[in-house]
Amino acid sequence: MGCSVIARSMNCNHATVLHYFKNIPWYLKTDLGLHRSYERIKSEFLEEYNPVYYMTEIELKKELISLRIENKKLSSQLSKSSKELIKAKESKERFPSLVQIVMERTRPETEAMVAHRLNQFYNGVYDK
């Protein structure tokens, strides 16, 4: 792509493009914002983009706090799920024959109906 094409797309003339092309190393050294933008665009172009490298210290701290909060939530969910799994295993061990019958004889998509009928059955068993 020639300087004239680039200039037309940026609404300037070719001399402006040539000027910046020759002086870009100096601009990159003296303008931190331009340097960051240039590096981000270059890495995106080369598919190496990682936003962490272009975040300010405040943005990084906010991200860290957010990740810590998310980590605590996930740890809590994992702990709760582990406890539920232990309970389920204990239930299966306590009533292996009942669990086996229910698993073998319950048809797909009838779980709610079977649960309702089992509840009715147990209400009748212990009410007498």
N, C-alpha and C. Protein backbone atom coordinates (compact mmCIF):
# COMPACT_ATOMS: atom_id res chain seq x y z
N MET A 1 0.86 -1.17 0.00
CA MET A 1 0.00 0.00 0.00
C MET A 1 0.91 1.23 0.00
N GLY A 2 0.65 2.15 -0.93
CA GLY A 2 1.47 3.33 -1.07
C GLY A 2 1.07 4.45 -0.11
N CYS A 3 1.95 5.44 0.00
CA CYS A 3 1.70 6.59 0.88
C CYS A 3 0.46 7.36 0.48
N SER A 4 0.20 7.46 -0.81
CA SER A 4 -0.97 8.22 -1.29
C SER A 4 -2.26 7.53 -0.85
N VAL A 5 -2.30 6.21 -0.92
CA VAL A 5 -3.50 5.46 -0.52
C VAL A 5 -3.73 5.63 0.98
N ILE A 6 -2.65 5.51 1.75
CA ILE A 6 -2.75 5.69 3.20
C ILE A 6 -3.21 7.11 3.52
N ALA A 7 -2.63 8.07 2.85
CA ALA A 7 -2.98 9.47 3.08
C ALA A 7 -4.45 9.73 2.79
N ARG A 8 -4.96 9.21 1.68
CA ARG A 8 -6.38 9.40 1.35
C ARG A 8 -7.28 8.79 2.42
N SER A 9 -6.90 7.60 2.94
CA SER A 9 -7.74 6.96 3.95
C SER A 9 -7.73 7.74 5.27
N MET A 10 -6.67 8.53 5.49
CA MET A 10 -6.57 9.33 6.72
C MET A 10 -6.93 10.80 6.47
N ASN A 11 -7.33 11.10 5.27
CA ASN A 11 -7.72 12.46 4.89
C ASN A 11 -6.58 13.47 5.07
N CYS A 12 -5.39 13.08 4.60
CA CYS A 12 -4.24 13.99 4.61
C CYS A 12 -3.45 13.74 3.33
N ASN A 13 -2.30 14.43 3.16
CA ASN A 13 -1.54 14.21 1.93
C ASN A 13 -0.37 13.25 2.18
N HIS A 14 0.25 12.81 1.11
CA HIS A 14 1.30 11.80 1.20
C HIS A 14 2.51 12.29 1.98
N ALA A 15 2.79 13.59 1.95
CA ALA A 15 3.95 14.14 2.66
C ALA A 15 3.78 13.96 4.17
N THR A 16 2.56 14.09 4.67
CA THR A 16 2.30 13.89 6.10
C THR A 16 2.61 12.44 6.48
N VAL A 17 2.17 11.52 5.67
CA VAL A 17 2.42 10.10 5.93
C VAL A 17 3.93 9.83 5.93
N LEU A 18 4.64 10.36 4.93
CA LEU A 18 6.10 10.18 4.87
C LEU A 18 6.79 10.78 6.09
N HIS A 19 6.35 11.95 6.52
CA HIS A 19 6.93 12.61 7.69
C HIS A 19 6.81 11.72 8.93
N TYR A 20 5.59 11.24 9.18
CA TYR A 20 5.38 10.40 10.36
C TYR A 20 6.09 9.05 10.23
N PHE A 21 6.16 8.54 9.02
CA PHE A 21 6.85 7.27 8.81
C PHE A 21 8.34 7.41 9.16
N LYS A 22 8.96 8.52 8.74
CA LYS A 22 10.38 8.73 9.04
C LYS A 22 10.61 9.03 10.51
N ASN A 23 9.67 9.69 11.17
CA ASN A 23 9.87 10.14 12.55
C ASN A 23 9.18 9.28 13.62
N ILE A 24 8.58 8.19 13.22
CA ILE A 24 7.84 7.37 14.19
C ILE A 24 8.72 6.87 15.34
N PRO A 25 9.97 6.48 15.11
CA PRO A 25 10.78 6.04 16.26
C PRO A 25 10.90 7.12 17.35
N TRP A 26 11.08 8.36 16.93
CA TRP A 26 11.19 9.45 17.89
C TRP A 26 9.86 9.67 18.61
N TYR A 27 8.74 9.65 17.88
CA TYR A 27 7.42 9.83 18.50
C TYR A 27 7.15 8.73 19.52
N LEU A 28 7.54 7.51 19.18
CA LEU A 28 7.30 6.40 20.09
C LEU A 28 8.12 6.52 21.37
N LYS A 29 9.32 7.11 21.26
CA LYS A 29 10.16 7.31 22.44
C LYS A 29 9.62 8.41 23.34
N THR A 30 9.03 9.42 22.75
CA THR A 30 8.63 10.61 23.52
C THR A 30 7.17 10.62 23.95
N ASP A 31 6.34 9.82 23.34
CA ASP A 31 4.91 9.82 23.65
C ASP A 31 4.51 8.44 24.18
N LEU A 32 4.38 8.33 25.51
CA LEU A 32 4.08 7.05 26.14
C LEU A 32 2.73 6.48 25.68
N GLY A 33 1.72 7.33 25.57
CA GLY A 33 0.40 6.89 25.12
C GLY A 33 0.45 6.33 23.71
N LEU A 34 1.15 7.01 22.83
CA LEU A 34 1.31 6.55 21.45
C LEU A 34 2.06 5.23 21.43
N HIS A 35 3.09 5.13 22.27
CA HIS A 35 3.89 3.91 22.33
C HIS A 35 3.02 2.72 22.77
N ARG A 36 2.21 2.91 23.80
CA ARG A 36 1.32 1.85 24.28
C ARG A 36 0.32 1.43 23.19
N SER A 37 -0.27 2.43 22.54
CA SER A 37 -1.23 2.13 21.47
C SER A 37 -0.55 1.37 20.33
N TYR A 38 0.62 1.82 19.96
CA TYR A 38 1.37 1.17 18.88
C TYR A 38 1.67 -0.29 19.24
N GLU A 39 2.16 -0.52 20.45
CA GLU A 39 2.49 -1.89 20.87
C GLU A 39 1.25 -2.77 20.93
N ARG A 40 0.13 -2.22 21.41
CA ARG A 40 -1.12 -3.00 21.50
C ARG A 40 -1.59 -3.38 20.10
N ILE A 41 -1.60 -2.41 19.21
CA ILE A 41 -2.05 -2.66 17.83
C ILE A 41 -1.13 -3.65 17.14
N LYS A 42 0.17 -3.49 17.35
CA LYS A 42 1.15 -4.40 16.74
C LYS A 42 0.95 -5.83 17.25
N SER A 43 0.76 -5.98 18.56
CA SER A 43 0.59 -7.33 19.11
C SER A 43 -0.75 -7.93 18.68
N GLU A 44 -1.79 -7.10 18.57
CA GLU A 44 -3.07 -7.61 18.05
C GLU A 44 -2.88 -8.09 16.62
N PHE A 45 -2.15 -7.34 15.85
CA PHE A 45 -1.90 -7.72 14.47
C PHE A 45 -1.13 -9.04 14.41
N LEU A 46 -0.18 -9.20 15.32
CA LEU A 46 0.62 -10.42 15.36
C LEU A 46 -0.03 -11.52 16.21
N GLU A 47 -1.27 -11.27 16.68
CA GLU A 47 -2.05 -12.21 17.49
C GLU A 47 -1.37 -12.57 18.80
N GLU A 48 -0.71 -11.61 19.40
CA GLU A 48 -0.06 -11.82 20.69
C GLU A 48 -0.70 -10.95 21.76
N TYR A 49 -1.84 -10.37 21.48
CA TYR A 49 -2.44 -9.38 22.36
C TYR A 49 -2.85 -9.97 23.71
N ASN A 50 -2.41 -9.35 24.78
CA ASN A 50 -2.84 -9.69 26.13
C ASN A 50 -3.12 -8.35 26.82
N PRO A 51 -4.38 -8.08 27.17
CA PRO A 51 -4.73 -6.76 27.70
C PRO A 51 -4.02 -6.40 28.99
N VAL A 52 -3.54 -7.39 29.73
CA VAL A 52 -2.86 -7.12 31.01
C VAL A 52 -1.66 -6.20 30.81
N TYR A 53 -0.96 -6.36 29.70
CA TYR A 53 0.24 -5.57 29.47
C TYR A 53 -0.06 -4.10 29.18
N TYR A 54 -1.32 -3.79 28.90
CA TYR A 54 -1.66 -2.43 28.52
C TYR A 54 -2.59 -1.77 29.53
N MET A 55 -2.79 -2.41 30.67
CA MET A 55 -3.66 -1.85 31.71
C MET A 55 -2.83 -0.97 32.63
N THR A 56 -3.48 0.06 33.15
CA THR A 56 -2.80 0.91 34.12
C THR A 56 -2.73 0.18 35.45
N GLU A 57 -1.97 0.72 36.38
CA GLU A 57 -1.84 0.10 37.70
C GLU A 57 -3.20 0.02 38.40
N ILE A 58 -4.00 1.07 38.28
CA ILE A 58 -5.33 1.08 38.90
C ILE A 58 -6.22 0.02 38.27
N GLU A 59 -6.18 -0.08 36.93
CA GLU A 59 -6.99 -1.10 36.24
C GLU A 59 -6.57 -2.51 36.66
N LEU A 60 -5.26 -2.72 36.80
CA LEU A 60 -4.76 -4.03 37.24
C LEU A 60 -5.23 -4.35 38.65
N LYS A 61 -5.20 -3.35 39.54
CA LYS A 61 -5.67 -3.58 40.91
C LYS A 61 -7.15 -3.92 40.94
N LYS A 62 -7.95 -3.20 40.15
CA LYS A 62 -9.38 -3.49 40.08
C LYS A 62 -9.62 -4.91 39.55
N GLU A 63 -8.87 -5.28 38.54
CA GLU A 63 -9.00 -6.62 37.97
C GLU A 63 -8.61 -7.68 39.00
N LEU A 64 -7.55 -7.42 39.75
CA LEU A 64 -7.11 -8.36 40.78
C LEU A 64 -8.19 -8.54 41.84
N ILE A 65 -8.77 -7.44 42.31
CA ILE A 65 -9.83 -7.51 43.30
C ILE A 65 -11.03 -8.29 42.75
N SER A 66 -11.40 -8.00 41.53
CA SER A 66 -12.51 -8.70 40.89
C SER A 66 -12.23 -10.20 40.79
N LEU A 67 -11.02 -10.57 40.42
CA LEU A 67 -10.65 -11.98 40.31
C LEU A 67 -10.63 -12.67 41.68
N ARG A 68 -10.20 -11.95 42.70
CA ARG A 68 -10.21 -12.52 44.06
C ARG A 68 -11.64 -12.80 44.52
N ILE A 69 -12.54 -11.87 44.25
CA ILE A 69 -13.95 -12.05 44.61
C ILE A 69 -14.52 -13.25 43.87
N GLU A 70 -14.25 -13.34 42.59
CA GLU A 70 -14.73 -14.47 41.78
C GLU A 70 -14.15 -15.78 42.29
N ASN A 71 -12.87 -15.76 42.67
CA ASN A 71 -12.21 -16.95 43.20
C ASN A 71 -12.89 -17.41 44.50
N LYS A 72 -13.24 -16.48 45.39
CA LYS A 72 -13.92 -16.83 46.63
C LYS A 72 -15.29 -17.44 46.35
N LYS A 73 -16.03 -16.86 45.40
CA LYS A 73 -17.34 -17.40 45.03
C LYS A 73 -17.20 -18.83 44.51
N LEU A 74 -16.24 -19.03 43.62
CA LEU A 74 -16.05 -20.36 43.04
C LEU A 74 -15.59 -21.37 44.09
N SER A 75 -14.73 -20.94 45.01
CA SER A 75 -14.30 -21.83 46.09
C SER A 75 -15.46 -22.23 46.97
N SER A 76 -16.33 -21.26 47.25
CA SER A 76 -17.52 -21.54 48.05
C SER A 76 -18.44 -22.52 47.34
N GLN A 77 -18.66 -22.31 46.05
CA GLN A 77 -19.50 -23.22 45.27
C GLN A 77 -18.90 -24.62 45.23
N LEU A 78 -17.58 -24.69 45.09
CA LEU A 78 -16.91 -25.99 45.05
C LEU A 78 -17.07 -26.71 46.38
N SER A 79 -16.91 -25.98 47.47
CA SER A 79 -17.06 -26.56 48.80
C SER A 79 -18.49 -27.08 48.99
N LYS A 80 -19.47 -26.28 48.60
CA LYS A 80 -20.87 -26.68 48.72
C LYS A 80 -21.15 -27.92 47.87
N SER A 81 -20.64 -27.93 46.66
CA SER A 81 -20.85 -29.08 45.76
C SER A 81 -20.18 -30.33 46.32
N SER A 82 -19.00 -30.17 46.91
CA SER A 82 -18.31 -31.32 47.50
C SER A 82 -19.11 -31.91 48.65
N LYS A 83 -19.68 -31.04 49.48
CA LYS A 83 -20.51 -31.50 50.59
C LYS A 83 -21.76 -32.22 50.08
N GLU A 84 -22.38 -31.67 49.03
CA GLU A 84 -23.56 -32.31 48.45
C GLU A 84 -23.21 -33.67 47.85
N LEU A 85 -22.05 -33.77 47.24
CA LEU A 85 -21.61 -35.04 46.66
C LEU A 85 -21.39 -36.07 47.77
N ILE A 86 -20.78 -35.67 48.86
CA ILE A 86 -20.58 -36.58 49.99
C ILE A 86 -21.92 -37.05 50.53
N LYS A 87 -22.87 -36.12 50.68
CA LYS A 87 -24.21 -36.48 51.15
C LYS A 87 -24.87 -37.48 50.20
N ALA A 88 -24.77 -37.23 48.91
CA ALA A 88 -25.38 -38.12 47.93
C ALA A 88 -24.76 -39.52 48.00
N LYS A 89 -23.44 -39.57 48.16
CA LYS A 89 -22.76 -40.87 48.26
C LYS A 89 -23.20 -41.59 49.52
N GLU A 90 -23.32 -40.83 50.63
CA GLU A 90 -23.77 -41.44 51.88
C GLU A 90 -25.19 -41.98 51.75
N SER A 91 -26.06 -41.22 51.08
CA SER A 91 -27.44 -41.68 50.88
C SER A 91 -27.46 -42.95 50.06
N LYS A 92 -26.65 -42.97 49.03
CA LYS A 92 -26.60 -44.15 48.16
C LYS A 92 -26.09 -45.35 48.94
N GLU A 93 -25.13 -45.12 49.84
CA GLU A 93 -24.59 -46.21 50.65
C GLU A 93 -25.60 -46.66 51.71
N ARG A 94 -26.43 -45.76 52.21
CA ARG A 94 -27.40 -46.09 53.25
C ARG A 94 -28.57 -46.89 52.67
N PHE A 95 -28.98 -46.56 51.47
CA PHE A 95 -30.14 -47.20 50.85
C PHE A 95 -29.78 -47.78 49.48
N PRO A 96 -28.80 -48.65 49.41
CA PRO A 96 -28.36 -49.11 48.07
C PRO A 96 -29.46 -49.81 47.28
N SER A 97 -30.26 -50.61 47.95
CA SER A 97 -31.29 -51.34 47.19
C SER A 97 -32.39 -50.40 46.71
N LEU A 98 -32.76 -49.41 47.55
CA LEU A 98 -33.80 -48.45 47.13
C LEU A 98 -33.31 -47.58 45.98
N VAL A 99 -32.08 -47.12 46.10
CA VAL A 99 -31.50 -46.28 45.05
C VAL A 99 -31.42 -47.07 43.75
N GLN A 100 -31.01 -48.31 43.83
CA GLN A 100 -30.89 -49.15 42.64
C GLN A 100 -32.25 -49.34 41.96
N ILE A 101 -33.28 -49.61 42.75
CA ILE A 101 -34.63 -49.79 42.19
C ILE A 101 -35.09 -48.52 41.49
N VAL A 102 -34.92 -47.38 42.16
CA VAL A 102 -35.36 -46.10 41.58
C VAL A 102 -34.58 -45.81 40.30
N MET A 103 -33.29 -46.05 40.32
CA MET A 103 -32.47 -45.77 39.13
C MET A 103 -32.85 -46.68 37.96
N GLU A 104 -33.14 -47.94 38.26
CA GLU A 104 -33.46 -48.89 37.19
C GLU A 104 -34.86 -48.70 36.63
N ARG A 105 -35.80 -48.33 37.50
CA ARG A 105 -37.20 -48.38 37.09
C ARG A 105 -37.80 -47.02 36.74
N THR A 106 -37.09 -45.95 37.00
CA THR A 106 -37.63 -44.63 36.69
C THR A 106 -37.33 -44.31 35.22
N ARG A 107 -38.40 -44.07 34.48
CA ARG A 107 -38.25 -43.73 33.06
C ARG A 107 -37.77 -42.29 32.90
N PRO A 108 -37.08 -42.02 31.82
CA PRO A 108 -36.62 -40.64 31.58
C PRO A 108 -37.79 -39.66 31.58
N GLU A 109 -37.57 -38.50 32.14
CA GLU A 109 -38.51 -37.38 32.19
C GLU A 109 -39.75 -37.66 33.07
N THR A 110 -39.66 -38.68 33.94
CA THR A 110 -40.76 -38.94 34.87
C THR A 110 -40.29 -38.78 36.31
N GLU A 111 -39.12 -38.20 36.50
CA GLU A 111 -38.53 -38.07 37.83
C GLU A 111 -39.42 -37.29 38.79
N ALA A 112 -40.01 -36.21 38.32
CA ALA A 112 -40.87 -35.38 39.19
C ALA A 112 -42.09 -36.17 39.65
N MET A 113 -42.70 -36.91 38.75
CA MET A 113 -43.88 -37.70 39.10
C MET A 113 -43.49 -38.79 40.11
N VAL A 114 -42.38 -39.47 39.89
CA VAL A 114 -41.93 -40.52 40.80
C VAL A 114 -41.63 -39.93 42.17
N ALA A 115 -40.99 -38.78 42.22
CA ALA A 115 -40.70 -38.12 43.51
C ALA A 115 -41.99 -37.79 44.24
N HIS A 116 -42.98 -37.30 43.51
CA HIS A 116 -44.28 -36.96 44.11
C HIS A 116 -44.95 -38.22 44.67
N ARG A 117 -44.94 -39.29 43.92
CA ARG A 117 -45.58 -40.55 44.37
C ARG A 117 -44.83 -41.16 45.54
N LEU A 118 -43.50 -41.09 45.52
CA LEU A 118 -42.74 -41.59 46.67
C LEU A 118 -43.06 -40.79 47.92
N ASN A 119 -43.18 -39.48 47.76
CA ASN A 119 -43.54 -38.62 48.89
C ASN A 119 -44.91 -39.01 49.44
N GLN A 120 -45.89 -39.24 48.55
CA GLN A 120 -47.23 -39.67 48.98
C GLN A 120 -47.15 -41.00 49.73
N PHE A 121 -46.35 -41.92 49.19
CA PHE A 121 -46.19 -43.23 49.81
C PHE A 121 -45.63 -43.09 51.22
N TYR A 122 -44.56 -42.32 51.36
CA TYR A 122 -43.93 -42.16 52.68
C TYR A 122 -44.84 -41.43 53.65
N ASN A 123 -45.63 -40.50 53.18
CA ASN A 123 -46.59 -39.83 54.07
C ASN A 123 -47.57 -40.85 54.62
N GLY A 124 -48.01 -41.78 53.79
CA GLY A 124 -48.95 -42.81 54.23
C GLY A 124 -48.31 -43.82 55.15
N VAL A 125 -47.04 -44.17 54.90
CA VAL A 125 -46.36 -45.18 55.70
C VAL A 125 -46.20 -44.72 57.15
N TYR A 126 -45.82 -43.49 57.36
CA TYR A 126 -45.51 -43.02 58.71
C TYR A 126 -46.66 -42.32 59.40
N ASP A 127 -47.78 -42.10 58.73
CA ASP A 127 -48.93 -41.46 59.36
C ASP A 127 -49.78 -42.46 60.13
N LYS A 128 -49.63 -43.74 59.90
CA LYS A 128 -50.50 -44.75 60.54
C LYS A 128 -50.04 -45.11 61.91
